[in-house]
Amino acid sequence: MNTSSSQGQNKTCLALVADETAAVHFQLWGEECDAFEPGDIIHLSNGIFSYSRNSLLLRAGKRGKIEKVGEFTMAYVETPNMSEIRWVPDPNSSHKYIQEAVISPHSRIFPPKY
């Protein structure tokens, strides 16, 4: 996990979450940062995606719920990392984003451990 905090604001941290299809950066807030460890399997319900600096970011949001359901027993992939793709508004649809470029095939925040 990569943790940061701003004076006067809640602590935030980023984690890399993945399943068998892709990976994405997941933003946690406050006490959520201390509730999970690398290798935890989580279940997120009612989560939301947002765009920060043209990068995709997953978070629980106000209505979302995140819970630990296991530990490091699932198959997953770290690529494609959807957060390492630059997304831009689709000129043909104001409600969609399209891929502009791949910034890095792997997470720059969580580099692969070879």
PDB file of N, CA and C in Angstrom:
ATOM      1  N   MET A   1       0.830  -1.169   0.000  1.00  0.00           N
ATOM      2  CA  MET A   1       0.000   0.000   0.000  1.00  0.00           C
ATOM      3  C   MET A   1       0.878   1.238   0.000  1.00  0.00           C
ATOM      4  N   ASN A   2       0.441   2.248  -0.659  1.00  0.00           N
ATOM      5  CA  ASN A   2       1.134   3.516  -0.720  1.00  0.00           C
ATOM      6  C   ASN A   2       0.279   4.522   0.035  1.00  0.00           C
ATOM      7  N   THR A   3       0.763   5.050   1.174  1.00  0.00           N
ATOM      8  CA  THR A   3      -0.036   5.912   2.042  1.00  0.00           C
ATOM      9  C   THR A   3       0.396   7.356   1.924  1.00  0.00           C
ATOM     10  N   SER A   4      -0.582   8.252   1.940  1.00  0.00           N
ATOM     11  CA  SER A   4      -0.304   9.682   1.986  1.00  0.00           C
ATOM     12  C   SER A   4      -1.380  10.352   2.813  1.00  0.00           C
ATOM     13  N   SER A   5      -1.058  11.510   3.343  1.00  0.00           N
ATOM     14  CA  SER A   5      -2.070  12.256   4.084  1.00  0.00           C
ATOM     15  C   SER A   5      -1.816  13.730   3.878  1.00  0.00           C
ATOM     16  N   SER A   6      -2.874  14.501   3.984  1.00  0.00           N
ATOM     17  CA  SER A   6      -2.776  15.939   3.855  1.00  0.00           C
ATOM     18  C   SER A   6      -3.221  16.563   5.161  1.00  0.00           C
ATOM     19  N   GLN A   7      -2.573  17.627   5.554  1.00  0.00           N
ATOM     20  CA  GLN A   7      -2.923  18.282   6.801  1.00  0.00           C
ATOM     21  C   GLN A   7      -4.369  18.750   6.740  1.00  0.00           C
ATOM     22  N   GLY A   8      -5.139  18.405   7.768  1.00  0.00           N
ATOM     23  CA  GLY A   8      -6.539  18.802   7.810  1.00  0.00           C
ATOM     24  C   GLY A   8      -7.458  17.873   7.050  1.00  0.00           C
ATOM     25  N   GLN A   9      -6.913  16.841   6.429  1.00  0.00           N
ATOM     26  CA  GLN A   9      -7.732  15.896   5.675  1.00  0.00           C
ATOM     27  C   GLN A   9      -7.476  14.486   6.177  1.00  0.00           C
ATOM     28  N   ASN A  10      -8.389  13.571   5.862  1.00  0.00           N
ATOM     29  CA  ASN A  10      -8.214  12.169   6.227  1.00  0.00           C
ATOM     30  C   ASN A  10      -7.023  11.561   5.505  1.00  0.00           C
ATOM     31  N   LYS A  11      -6.454  10.531   6.125  1.00  0.00           N
ATOM     32  CA  LYS A  11      -5.376   9.773   5.499  1.00  0.00           C
ATOM     33  C   LYS A  11      -5.952   9.034   4.294  1.00  0.00           C
ATOM     34  N   THR A  12      -5.189   8.967   3.228  1.00  0.00           N
ATOM     35  CA  THR A  12      -5.580   8.198   2.046  1.00  0.00           C
ATOM     36  C   THR A  12      -4.444   7.254   1.687  1.00  0.00           C
ATOM     37  N   CYS A  13      -4.780   6.173   1.035  1.00  0.00           N
ATOM     38  CA  CYS A  13      -3.751   5.256   0.556  1.00  0.00           C
ATOM     39  C   CYS A  13      -4.240   4.597  -0.726  1.00  0.00           C
ATOM     40  N   LEU A  14      -3.285   4.137  -1.506  1.00  0.00           N
ATOM     41  CA  LEU A  14      -3.589   3.425  -2.743  1.00  0.00           C
ATOM     42  C   LEU A  14      -3.145   1.984  -2.605  1.00  0.00           C
ATOM     43  N   ALA A  15      -3.959   1.092  -3.102  1.00  0.00           N
ATOM     44  CA  ALA A  15      -3.625  -0.329  -3.159  1.00  0.00           C
ATOM     45  C   ALA A  15      -3.840  -0.791  -4.591  1.00  0.00           C
ATOM     46  N   LEU A  16      -3.137  -1.815  -4.978  1.00  0.00           N
ATOM     47  CA  LEU A  16      -3.347  -2.424  -6.286  1.00  0.00           C
ATOM     48  C   LEU A  16      -4.289  -3.598  -6.091  1.00  0.00           C
ATOM     49  N   VAL A  17      -5.443  -3.553  -6.737  1.00  0.00           N
ATOM     50  CA  VAL A  17      -6.399  -4.659  -6.661  1.00  0.00           C
ATOM     51  C   VAL A  17      -6.493  -5.299  -8.038  1.00  0.00           C
ATOM     52  N   ALA A  18      -6.711  -6.607  -8.053  1.00  0.00           N
ATOM     53  CA  ALA A  18      -6.713  -7.330  -9.325  1.00  0.00           C
ATOM     54  C   ALA A  18      -7.602  -8.555  -9.235  1.00  0.00           C
ATOM     55  N   ASP A  19      -8.062  -8.991 -10.399  1.00  0.00           N
ATOM     56  CA  ASP A  19      -8.737 -10.281 -10.517  1.00  0.00           C
ATOM     57  C   ASP A  19      -8.119 -10.993 -11.719  1.00  0.00           C
ATOM     58  N   GLU A  20      -8.814 -11.975 -12.258  1.00  0.00           N
ATOM     59  CA  GLU A  20      -8.236 -12.737 -13.364  1.00  0.00           C
ATOM     60  C   GLU A  20      -8.239 -11.977 -14.689  1.00  0.00           C
ATOM     61  N   THR A  21      -8.853 -10.783 -14.737  1.00  0.00           N
ATOM     62  CA  THR A  21      -8.941 -10.046 -15.999  1.00  0.00           C
ATOM     63  C   THR A  21      -8.054  -8.814 -16.073  1.00  0.00           C
ATOM     64  N   ALA A  22      -7.842  -8.117 -14.953  1.00  0.00           N
ATOM     65  CA  ALA A  22      -7.093  -6.860 -14.979  1.00  0.00           C
ATOM     66  C   ALA A  22      -6.778  -6.405 -13.559  1.00  0.00           C
ATOM     67  N   ALA A  23      -6.046  -5.305 -13.468  1.00  0.00           N
ATOM     68  CA  ALA A  23      -5.706  -4.685 -12.189  1.00  0.00           C
ATOM     69  C   ALA A  23      -6.056  -3.205 -12.258  1.00  0.00           C
ATOM     70  N   VAL A  24      -6.216  -2.578 -11.091  1.00  0.00           N
ATOM     71  CA  VAL A  24      -6.526  -1.155 -11.028  1.00  0.00           C
ATOM     72  C   VAL A  24      -6.088  -0.630  -9.663  1.00  0.00           C
ATOM     73  N   HIS A  25      -5.781   0.657  -9.602  1.00  0.00           N
ATOM     74  CA  HIS A  25      -5.465   1.278  -8.322  1.00  0.00           C
ATOM     75  C   HIS A  25      -6.760   1.509  -7.554  1.00  0.00           C
ATOM     76  N   PHE A  26      -6.734   1.203  -6.265  1.00  0.00           N
ATOM     77  CA  PHE A  26      -7.901   1.306  -5.392  1.00  0.00           C
ATOM     78  C   PHE A  26      -7.567   2.276  -4.275  1.00  0.00           C
ATOM     79  N   GLN A  27      -8.367   3.334  -4.129  1.00  0.00           N
ATOM     80  CA  GLN A  27      -8.120   4.345  -3.105  1.00  0.00           C
ATOM     81  C   GLN A  27      -8.912   4.030  -1.843  1.00  0.00           C
ATOM     82  N   LEU A  28      -8.201   4.016  -0.716  1.00  0.00           N
ATOM     83  CA  LEU A  28      -8.806   3.792   0.592  1.00  0.00           C
ATOM     84  C   LEU A  28      -8.694   5.072   1.406  1.00  0.00           C
ATOM     85  N   TRP A  29      -9.617   5.260   2.340  1.00  0.00           N
ATOM     86  CA  TRP A  29      -9.661   6.476   3.148  1.00  0.00           C
ATOM     87  C   TRP A  29      -9.633   6.134   4.633  1.00  0.00           C
ATOM     88  N   GLY A  30      -8.967   6.967   5.423  1.00  0.00           N
ATOM     89  CA  GLY A  30      -9.008   6.877   6.879  1.00  0.00           C
ATOM     90  C   GLY A  30      -8.676   5.496   7.411  1.00  0.00           C
ATOM     91  N   GLU A  31      -9.587   4.950   8.226  1.00  0.00           N
ATOM     92  CA  GLU A  31      -9.372   3.655   8.880  1.00  0.00           C
ATOM     93  C   GLU A  31      -9.283   2.494   7.895  1.00  0.00           C
ATOM     94  N   GLU A  32      -9.824   2.664   6.689  1.00  0.00           N
ATOM     95  CA  GLU A  32      -9.720   1.605   5.673  1.00  0.00           C
ATOM     96  C   GLU A  32      -8.256   1.290   5.370  1.00  0.00           C
ATOM     97  N   CYS A  33      -7.385   2.303   5.462  1.00  0.00           N
ATOM     98  CA  CYS A  33      -5.960   2.112   5.151  1.00  0.00           C
ATOM     99  C   CYS A  33      -5.308   1.093   6.076  1.00  0.00           C
ATOM    100  N   ASP A  34      -5.775   1.016   7.315  1.00  0.00           N
ATOM    101  CA  ASP A  34      -5.180   0.104   8.289  1.00  0.00           C
ATOM    102  C   ASP A  34      -5.908  -1.233   8.367  1.00  0.00           C
ATOM    103  N   ALA A  35      -7.038  -1.357   7.696  1.00  0.00           N
ATOM    104  CA  ALA A  35      -7.872  -2.558   7.818  1.00  0.00           C
ATOM    105  C   ALA A  35      -7.434  -3.697   6.899  1.00  0.00           C
ATOM    106  N   PHE A  36      -6.610  -3.408   5.906  1.00  0.00           N
ATOM    107  CA  PHE A  36      -6.255  -4.420   4.915  1.00  0.00           C
ATOM    108  C   PHE A  36      -4.749  -4.539   4.768  1.00  0.00           C
ATOM    109  N   GLU A  37      -4.306  -5.748   4.417  1.00  0.00           N
ATOM    110  CA  GLU A  37      -2.890  -6.055   4.221  1.00  0.00           C
ATOM    111  C   GLU A  37      -2.678  -6.568   2.795  1.00  0.00           C
ATOM    112  N   PRO A  38      -1.452  -6.458   2.270  1.00  0.00           N
ATOM    113  CA  PRO A  38      -1.176  -7.065   0.966  1.00  0.00           C
ATOM    114  C   PRO A  38      -1.526  -8.554   0.989  1.00  0.00           C
ATOM    115  N   GLY A  39      -2.187  -9.013  -0.054  1.00  0.00           N
ATOM    116  CA  GLY A  39      -2.598 -10.407  -0.151  1.00  0.00           C
ATOM    117  C   GLY A  39      -4.017 -10.666   0.311  1.00  0.00           C
ATOM    118  N   ASP A  40      -4.652  -9.681   0.958  1.00  0.00           N
ATOM    119  CA  ASP A  40      -6.045  -9.851   1.371  1.00  0.00           C
ATOM    120  C   ASP A  40      -6.948  -9.914   0.150  1.00  0.00           C
ATOM    121  N   ILE A  41      -7.939 -10.763   0.213  1.00  0.00           N
ATOM    122  CA  ILE A  41      -8.975 -10.807  -0.815  1.00  0.00           C
ATOM    123  C   ILE A  41     -10.140  -9.998  -0.279  1.00  0.00           C
ATOM    124  N   ILE A  42     -10.582  -9.032  -1.068  1.00  0.00           N
ATOM    125  CA  ILE A  42     -11.657  -8.151  -0.615  1.00  0.00           C
ATOM    126  C   ILE A  42     -12.879  -8.297  -1.505  1.00  0.00           C
ATOM    127  N   HIS A  43     -14.007  -7.928  -0.952  1.00  0.00           N
ATOM    128  CA  HIS A  43     -15.249  -7.848  -1.720  1.00  0.00           C
ATOM    129  C   HIS A  43     -15.709  -6.402  -1.627  1.00  0.00           C
ATOM    130  N   LEU A  44     -15.906  -5.776  -2.771  1.00  0.00           N
ATOM    131  CA  LEU A  44     -16.383  -4.397  -2.841  1.00  0.00           C
ATOM    132  C   LEU A  44     -17.763  -4.398  -3.459  1.00  0.00           C
ATOM    133  N   SER A  45     -18.713  -3.815  -2.764  1.00  0.00           N
ATOM    134  CA  SER A  45     -20.051  -3.662  -3.343  1.00  0.00           C
ATOM    135  C   SER A  45     -20.354  -2.178  -3.473  1.00  0.00           C
ATOM    136  N   ASN A  46     -21.029  -1.826  -4.552  1.00  0.00           N
ATOM    137  CA  ASN A  46     -21.412  -0.443  -4.848  1.00  0.00           C
ATOM    138  C   ASN A  46     -20.222   0.504  -4.941  1.00  0.00           C
ATOM    139  N   GLY A  47     -19.086  -0.008  -5.410  1.00  0.00           N
ATOM    140  CA  GLY A  47     -17.918   0.838  -5.612  1.00  0.00           C
ATOM    141  C   GLY A  47     -18.093   1.722  -6.834  1.00  0.00           C
ATOM    142  N   ILE A  48     -17.223   2.700  -6.952  1.00  0.00           N
ATOM    143  CA  ILE A  48     -17.299   3.622  -8.085  1.00  0.00           C
ATOM    144  C   ILE A  48     -15.910   3.829  -8.692  1.00  0.00           C
ATOM    145  N   PHE A  49     -15.896   4.119  -9.972  1.00  0.00           N
ATOM    146  CA  PHE A  49     -14.675   4.504 -10.653  1.00  0.00           C
ATOM    147  C   PHE A  49     -14.678   6.007 -10.822  1.00  0.00           C
ATOM    148  N   SER A  50     -13.515   6.609 -10.687  1.00  0.00           N
ATOM    149  CA  SER A  50     -13.374   8.027 -10.970  1.00  0.00           C
ATOM    150  C   SER A  50     -12.094   8.210 -11.775  1.00  0.00           C
ATOM    151  N   TYR A  51     -11.916   9.392 -12.321  1.00  0.00           N
ATOM    152  CA  TYR A  51     -10.749   9.706 -13.118  1.00  0.00           C
ATOM    153  C   TYR A  51      -9.971  10.787 -12.403  1.00  0.00           C
ATOM    154  N   SER A  52      -8.707  10.525 -12.150  1.00  0.00           N
ATOM    155  CA  SER A  52      -7.829  11.486 -11.514  1.00  0.00           C
ATOM    156  C   SER A  52      -6.601  11.631 -12.393  1.00  0.00           C
ATOM    157  N   ARG A  53      -6.379  12.817 -12.903  1.00  0.00           N
ATOM    158  CA  ARG A  53      -5.252  13.076 -13.815  1.00  0.00           C
ATOM    159  C   ARG A  53      -5.264  12.113 -15.000  1.00  0.00           C
ATOM    160  N   ASN A  54      -6.440  11.930 -15.589  1.00  0.00           N
ATOM    161  CA  ASN A  54      -6.647  11.038 -16.739  1.00  0.00           C
ATOM    162  C   ASN A  54      -6.307   9.587 -16.433  1.00  0.00           C
ATOM    163  N   SER A  55      -6.402   9.207 -15.169  1.00  0.00           N
ATOM    164  CA  SER A  55      -6.114   7.841 -14.755  1.00  0.00           C
ATOM    165  C   SER A  55      -7.321   7.281 -14.016  1.00  0.00           C
ATOM    166  N   LEU A  56      -7.626   6.026 -14.270  1.00  0.00           N
ATOM    167  CA  LEU A  56      -8.769   5.366 -13.658  1.00  0.00           C
ATOM    168  C   LEU A  56      -8.446   4.978 -12.219  1.00  0.00           C
ATOM    169  N   LEU A  57      -9.388   5.243 -11.304  1.00  0.00           N
ATOM    170  CA  LEU A  57      -9.203   4.975  -9.885  1.00  0.00           C
ATOM    171  C   LEU A  57     -10.482   4.371  -9.331  1.00  0.00           C
ATOM    172  N   LEU A  58     -10.370   3.247  -8.632  1.00  0.00           N
ATOM    173  CA  LEU A  58     -11.521   2.594  -8.009  1.00  0.00           C
ATOM    174  C   LEU A  58     -11.574   2.995  -6.543  1.00  0.00           C
ATOM    175  N   ARG A  59     -12.778   3.229  -6.026  1.00  0.00           N
ATOM    176  CA  ARG A  59     -12.942   3.529  -4.598  1.00  0.00           C
ATOM    177  C   ARG A  59     -14.320   3.094  -4.142  1.00  0.00           C
ATOM    178  N   ALA A  60     -14.478   2.967  -2.843  1.00  0.00           N
ATOM    179  CA  ALA A  60     -15.759   2.531  -2.294  1.00  0.00           C
ATOM    180  C   ALA A  60     -16.792   3.644  -2.367  1.00  0.00           C
ATOM    181  N   GLY A  61     -16.403   4.882  -2.164  1.00  0.00           N
ATOM    182  CA  GLY A  61     -17.357   5.984  -2.154  1.00  0.00           C
ATOM    183  C   GLY A  61     -18.234   5.945  -0.911  1.00  0.00           C
ATOM    184  N   LYS A  62     -19.176   6.852  -0.835  1.00  0.00           N
ATOM    185  CA  LYS A  62     -20.043   6.957   0.345  1.00  0.00           C
ATOM    186  C   LYS A  62     -20.978   5.767   0.500  1.00  0.00           C
ATOM    187  N   ARG A  63     -21.439   5.208  -0.590  1.00  0.00           N
ATOM    188  CA  ARG A  63     -22.411   4.109  -0.532  1.00  0.00           C
ATOM    189  C   ARG A  63     -21.776   2.727  -0.648  1.00  0.00           C
ATOM    190  N   GLY A  64     -20.499   2.682  -0.931  1.00  0.00           N
ATOM    191  CA  GLY A  64     -19.827   1.407  -1.119  1.00  0.00           C
ATOM    192  C   GLY A  64     -19.474   0.727   0.190  1.00  0.00           C
ATOM    193  N   LYS A  65     -19.261  -0.569   0.103  1.00  0.00           N
ATOM    194  CA  LYS A  65     -18.872  -1.358   1.270  1.00  0.00           C
ATOM    195  C   LYS A  65     -17.731  -2.275   0.860  1.00  0.00           C
ATOM    196  N   ILE A  66     -16.681  -2.279   1.671  1.00  0.00           N
ATOM    197  CA  ILE A  66     -15.528  -3.125   1.391  1.00  0.00           C
ATOM    198  C   ILE A  66     -15.288  -4.021   2.600  1.00  0.00           C
ATOM    199  N   GLU A  67     -15.055  -5.311   2.320  1.00  0.00           N
ATOM    200  CA  GLU A  67     -14.787  -6.238   3.417  1.00  0.00           C
ATOM    201  C   GLU A  67     -13.777  -7.292   2.980  1.00  0.00           C
ATOM    202  N   LYS A  68     -12.991  -7.759   3.945  1.00  0.00           N
ATOM    203  CA  LYS A  68     -12.032  -8.826   3.686  1.00  0.00           C
ATOM    204  C   LYS A  68     -12.778 -10.150   3.672  1.00  0.00           C
ATOM    205  N   VAL A  69     -12.534 -10.956   2.625  1.00  0.00           N
ATOM    206  CA  VAL A  69     -13.218 -12.248   2.521  1.00  0.00           C
ATOM    207  C   VAL A  69     -12.239 -13.425   2.452  1.00  0.00           C
ATOM    208  N   GLY A  70     -10.944 -13.155   2.446  1.00  0.00           N
ATOM    209  CA  GLY A  70      -9.970 -14.234   2.374  1.00  0.00           C
ATOM    210  C   GLY A  70      -8.564 -13.693   2.263  1.00  0.00           C
ATOM    211  N   GLU A  71      -7.632 -14.605   2.018  1.00  0.00           N
ATOM    212  CA  GLU A  71      -6.229 -14.231   1.868  1.00  0.00           C
ATOM    213  C   GLU A  71      -5.609 -14.954   0.683  1.00  0.00           C
ATOM    214  N   PHE A  72      -4.981 -14.234  -0.184  1.00  0.00           N
ATOM    215  CA  PHE A  72      -4.111 -14.666  -1.270  1.00  0.00           C
ATOM    216  C   PHE A  72      -4.306 -16.098  -1.772  1.00  0.00           C
ATOM    217  N   THR A  73      -5.523 -16.409  -2.176  1.00  0.00           N
ATOM    218  CA  THR A  73      -5.779 -17.745  -2.706  1.00  0.00           C
ATOM    219  C   THR A  73      -6.463 -17.707  -4.064  1.00  0.00           C
ATOM    220  N   MET A  74      -6.531 -16.536  -4.674  1.00  0.00           N
ATOM    221  CA  MET A  74      -7.206 -16.395  -5.963  1.00  0.00           C
ATOM    222  C   MET A  74      -6.189 -16.144  -7.066  1.00  0.00           C
ATOM    223  N   ALA A  75      -6.516 -16.605  -8.255  1.00  0.00           N
ATOM    224  CA  ALA A  75      -5.696 -16.283  -9.421  1.00  0.00           C
ATOM    225  C   ALA A  75      -5.962 -14.836  -9.812  1.00  0.00           C
ATOM    226  N   TYR A  76      -4.907 -14.113 -10.159  1.00  0.00           N
ATOM    227  CA  TYR A  76      -5.068 -12.726 -10.577  1.00  0.00           C
ATOM    228  C   TYR A  76      -3.959 -12.366 -11.553  1.00  0.00           C
ATOM    229  N   VAL A  77      -4.150 -11.256 -12.237  1.00  0.00           N
ATOM    230  CA  VAL A  77      -3.133 -10.714 -13.138  1.00  0.00           C
ATOM    231  C   VAL A  77      -2.893  -9.257 -12.776  1.00  0.00           C
ATOM    232  N   GLU A  78      -1.674  -8.782 -12.999  1.00  0.00           N
ATOM    233  CA  GLU A  78      -1.364  -7.381 -12.727  1.00  0.00           C
ATOM    234  C   GLU A  78      -1.397  -6.533 -13.989  1.00  0.00           C
ATOM    235  N   THR A  79      -1.584  -7.172 -15.144  1.00  0.00           N
ATOM    236  CA  THR A  79      -1.711  -6.438 -16.396  1.00  0.00           C
ATOM    237  C   THR A  79      -2.915  -6.973 -17.155  1.00  0.00           C
ATOM    238  N   PRO A  80      -3.655  -6.184 -17.852  1.00  0.00           N
ATOM    239  CA  PRO A  80      -3.454  -4.749 -17.956  1.00  0.00           C
ATOM    240  C   PRO A  80      -3.841  -4.042 -16.662  1.00  0.00           C
ATOM    241  N   ASN A  81      -3.072  -3.016 -16.328  1.00  0.00           N
ATOM    242  CA  ASN A  81      -3.399  -2.176 -15.181  1.00  0.00           C
ATOM    243  C   ASN A  81      -4.201  -0.997 -15.727  1.00  0.00           C
ATOM    244  N   MET A  82      -5.478  -0.998 -15.440  1.00  0.00           N
ATOM    245  CA  MET A  82      -6.377   0.009 -16.006  1.00  0.00           C
ATOM    246  C   MET A  82      -6.048   1.419 -15.531  1.00  0.00           C
ATOM    247  N   SER A  83      -5.328   1.545 -14.401  1.00  0.00           N
ATOM    248  CA  SER A  83      -4.926   2.857 -13.899  1.00  0.00           C
ATOM    249  C   SER A  83      -3.727   3.413 -14.649  1.00  0.00           C
ATOM    250  N   GLU A  84      -3.034   2.585 -15.408  1.00  0.00           N
ATOM    251  CA  GLU A  84      -1.870   3.030 -16.161  1.00  0.00           C
ATOM    252  C   GLU A  84      -2.207   3.300 -17.628  1.00  0.00           C
ATOM    253  N   ILE A  85      -3.475   3.452 -17.904  1.00  0.00           N
ATOM    254  CA  ILE A  85      -3.948   3.830 -19.231  1.00  0.00           C
ATOM    255  C   ILE A  85      -4.495   5.248 -19.135  1.00  0.00           C
ATOM    256  N   ARG A  86      -4.097   6.104 -20.051  1.00  0.00           N
ATOM    257  CA  ARG A  86      -4.616   7.473 -20.059  1.00  0.00           C
ATOM    258  C   ARG A  86      -5.961   7.459 -20.769  1.00  0.00           C
ATOM    259  N   TRP A  87      -6.990   7.888 -20.042  1.00  0.00           N
ATOM    260  CA  TRP A  87      -8.357   7.913 -20.563  1.00  0.00           C
ATOM    261  C   TRP A  87      -8.758   9.352 -20.845  1.00  0.00           C
ATOM    262  N   VAL A  88      -9.472   9.564 -21.939  1.00  0.00           N
ATOM    263  CA  VAL A  88      -9.958  10.895 -22.308  1.00  0.00           C
ATOM    264  C   VAL A  88     -11.437  10.790 -22.674  1.00  0.00           C
ATOM    265  N   PRO A  89     -12.166  11.894 -22.549  1.00  0.00           N
ATOM    266  CA  PRO A  89     -13.586  11.853 -22.923  1.00  0.00           C
ATOM    267  C   PRO A  89     -13.765  11.438 -24.380  1.00  0.00           C
ATOM    268  N   ASP A  90     -14.759  10.616 -24.629  1.00  0.00           N
ATOM    269  CA  ASP A  90     -15.098  10.165 -25.975  1.00  0.00           C
ATOM    270  C   ASP A  90     -15.782  11.317 -26.703  1.00  0.00           C
ATOM    271  N   PRO A  91     -15.239  11.780 -27.834  1.00  0.00           N
ATOM    272  CA  PRO A  91     -15.862  12.895 -28.549  1.00  0.00           C
ATOM    273  C   PRO A  91     -17.252  12.554 -29.089  1.00  0.00           C
ATOM    274  N   ASN A  92     -17.561  11.264 -29.195  1.00  0.00           N
ATOM    275  CA  ASN A  92     -18.862  10.846 -29.714  1.00  0.00           C
ATOM    276  C   ASN A  92     -19.902  10.598 -28.632  1.00  0.00           C
ATOM    277  N   SER A  93     -19.481  10.586 -27.372  1.00  0.00           N
ATOM    278  CA  SER A  93     -20.414  10.327 -26.276  1.00  0.00           C
ATOM    279  C   SER A  93     -19.908  11.006 -25.009  1.00  0.00           C
ATOM    280  N   SER A  94     -20.685  11.925 -24.477  1.00  0.00           N
ATOM    281  CA  SER A  94     -20.256  12.689 -23.305  1.00  0.00           C
ATOM    282  C   SER A  94     -20.207  11.850 -22.033  1.00  0.00           C
ATOM    283  N   HIS A  95     -20.768  10.653 -22.047  1.00  0.00           N
ATOM    284  CA  HIS A  95     -20.804   9.802 -20.857  1.00  0.00           C
ATOM    285  C   HIS A  95     -19.767   8.685 -20.891  1.00  0.00           C
ATOM    286  N   LYS A  96     -18.887   8.687 -21.897  1.00  0.00           N
ATOM    287  CA  LYS A  96     -17.909   7.615 -22.029  1.00  0.00           C
ATOM    288  C   LYS A  96     -16.495   8.179 -22.107  1.00  0.00           C
ATOM    289  N   TYR A  97     -15.548   7.327 -21.750  1.00  0.00           N
ATOM    290  CA  TYR A  97     -14.136   7.642 -21.907  1.00  0.00           C
ATOM    291  C   TYR A  97     -13.516   6.594 -22.823  1.00  0.00           C
ATOM    292  N   ILE A  98     -12.471   7.001 -23.537  1.00  0.00           N
ATOM    293  CA  ILE A  98     -11.773   6.074 -24.422  1.00  0.00           C
ATOM    294  C   ILE A  98     -10.281   6.091 -24.083  1.00  0.00           C
ATOM    295  N   GLN A  99      -9.605   5.032 -24.460  1.00  0.00           N
ATOM    296  CA  GLN A  99      -8.179   4.910 -24.196  1.00  0.00           C
ATOM    297  C   GLN A  99      -7.407   5.812 -25.143  1.00  0.00           C
ATOM    298  N   GLU A 100      -6.557   6.674 -24.581  1.00  0.00           N
ATOM    299  CA  GLU A 100      -5.713   7.533 -25.401  1.00  0.00           C
ATOM    300  C   GLU A 100      -4.310   6.941 -25.544  1.00  0.00           C
ATOM    301  N   ALA A 101      -3.761   6.445 -24.440  1.00  0.00           N
ATOM    302  CA  ALA A 101      -2.409   5.894 -24.475  1.00  0.00           C
ATOM    303  C   ALA A 101      -2.181   5.005 -23.262  1.00  0.00           C
ATOM    304  N   VAL A 102      -1.243   4.084 -23.402  1.00  0.00           N
ATOM    305  CA  VAL A 102      -0.814   3.278 -22.263  1.00  0.00           C
ATOM    306  C   VAL A 102       0.406   3.968 -21.667  1.00  0.00           C
ATOM    307  N   ILE A 103       0.280   4.395 -20.419  1.00  0.00           N
ATOM    308  CA  ILE A 103       1.374   5.090 -19.748  1.00  0.00           C
ATOM    309  C   ILE A 103       2.479   4.102 -19.404  1.00  0.00           C
ATOM    310  N   SER A 104       2.088   2.978 -18.833  1.00  0.00           N
ATOM    311  CA  SER A 104       3.028   1.930 -18.452  1.00  0.00           C
ATOM    312  C   SER A 104       2.271   0.610 -18.430  1.00  0.00           C
ATOM    313  N   PRO A 105       2.869  -0.482 -18.904  1.00  0.00           N
ATOM    314  CA  PRO A 105       2.156  -1.758 -18.864  1.00  0.00           C
ATOM    315  C   PRO A 105       1.969  -2.272 -17.438  1.00  0.00           C
ATOM    316  N   HIS A 106       2.817  -1.822 -16.511  1.00  0.00           N
ATOM    317  CA  HIS A 106       2.720  -2.221 -15.109  1.00  0.00           C
ATOM    318  C   HIS A 106       2.471  -0.982 -14.254  1.00  0.00           C
ATOM    319  N   SER A 107       2.038  -1.191 -13.034  1.00  0.00           N
ATOM    320  CA  SER A 107       1.825  -0.091 -12.108  1.00  0.00           C
ATOM    321  C   SER A 107       3.145   0.603 -11.793  1.00  0.00           C
ATOM    322  N   ARG A 108       3.180   1.910 -11.925  1.00  0.00           N
ATOM    323  CA  ARG A 108       4.369   2.665 -11.545  1.00  0.00           C
ATOM    324  C   ARG A 108       4.436   2.824 -10.031  1.00  0.00           C
ATOM    325  N   ILE A 109       3.293   2.744  -9.361  1.00  0.00           N
ATOM    326  CA  ILE A 109       3.245   2.860  -7.904  1.00  0.00           C
ATOM    327  C   ILE A 109       3.597   1.529  -7.249  1.00  0.00           C
ATOM    328  N   PHE A 110       3.151   0.435  -7.858  1.00  0.00           N
ATOM    329  CA  PHE A 110       3.401  -0.908  -7.346  1.00  0.00           C
ATOM    330  C   PHE A 110       4.117  -1.721  -8.422  1.00  0.00           C
ATOM    331  N   PRO A 111       5.436  -1.537  -8.584  1.00  0.00           N
ATOM    332  CA  PRO A 111       6.142  -2.250  -9.649  1.00  0.00           C
ATOM    333  C   PRO A 111       6.135  -3.754  -9.410  1.00  0.00           C
ATOM    334  N   PRO A 112       6.189  -4.552 -10.487  1.00  0.00           N
ATOM    335  CA  PRO A 112       6.195  -6.008 -10.323  1.00  0.00           C
ATOM    336  C   PRO A 112       7.443  -6.464  -9.574  1.00  0.00           C
ATOM    337  N   LYS A 113       7.297  -7.542  -8.824  1.00  0.00           N
ATOM    338  CA  LYS A 113       8.420  -8.094  -8.050  1.00  0.00           C
ATOM    339  C   LYS A 113       8.914  -9.348  -8.750  1.00  0.00           C
ATOM    340  N   TYR A 114       9.965  -9.203  -9.528  1.00  0.00           N
ATOM    341  CA  TYR A 114      10.527 -10.343 -10.260  1.00  0.00           C
ATOM    342  C   TYR A 114      11.744 -10.858  -9.551  1.00  0.00           C
TER     343      TYR A 114
END
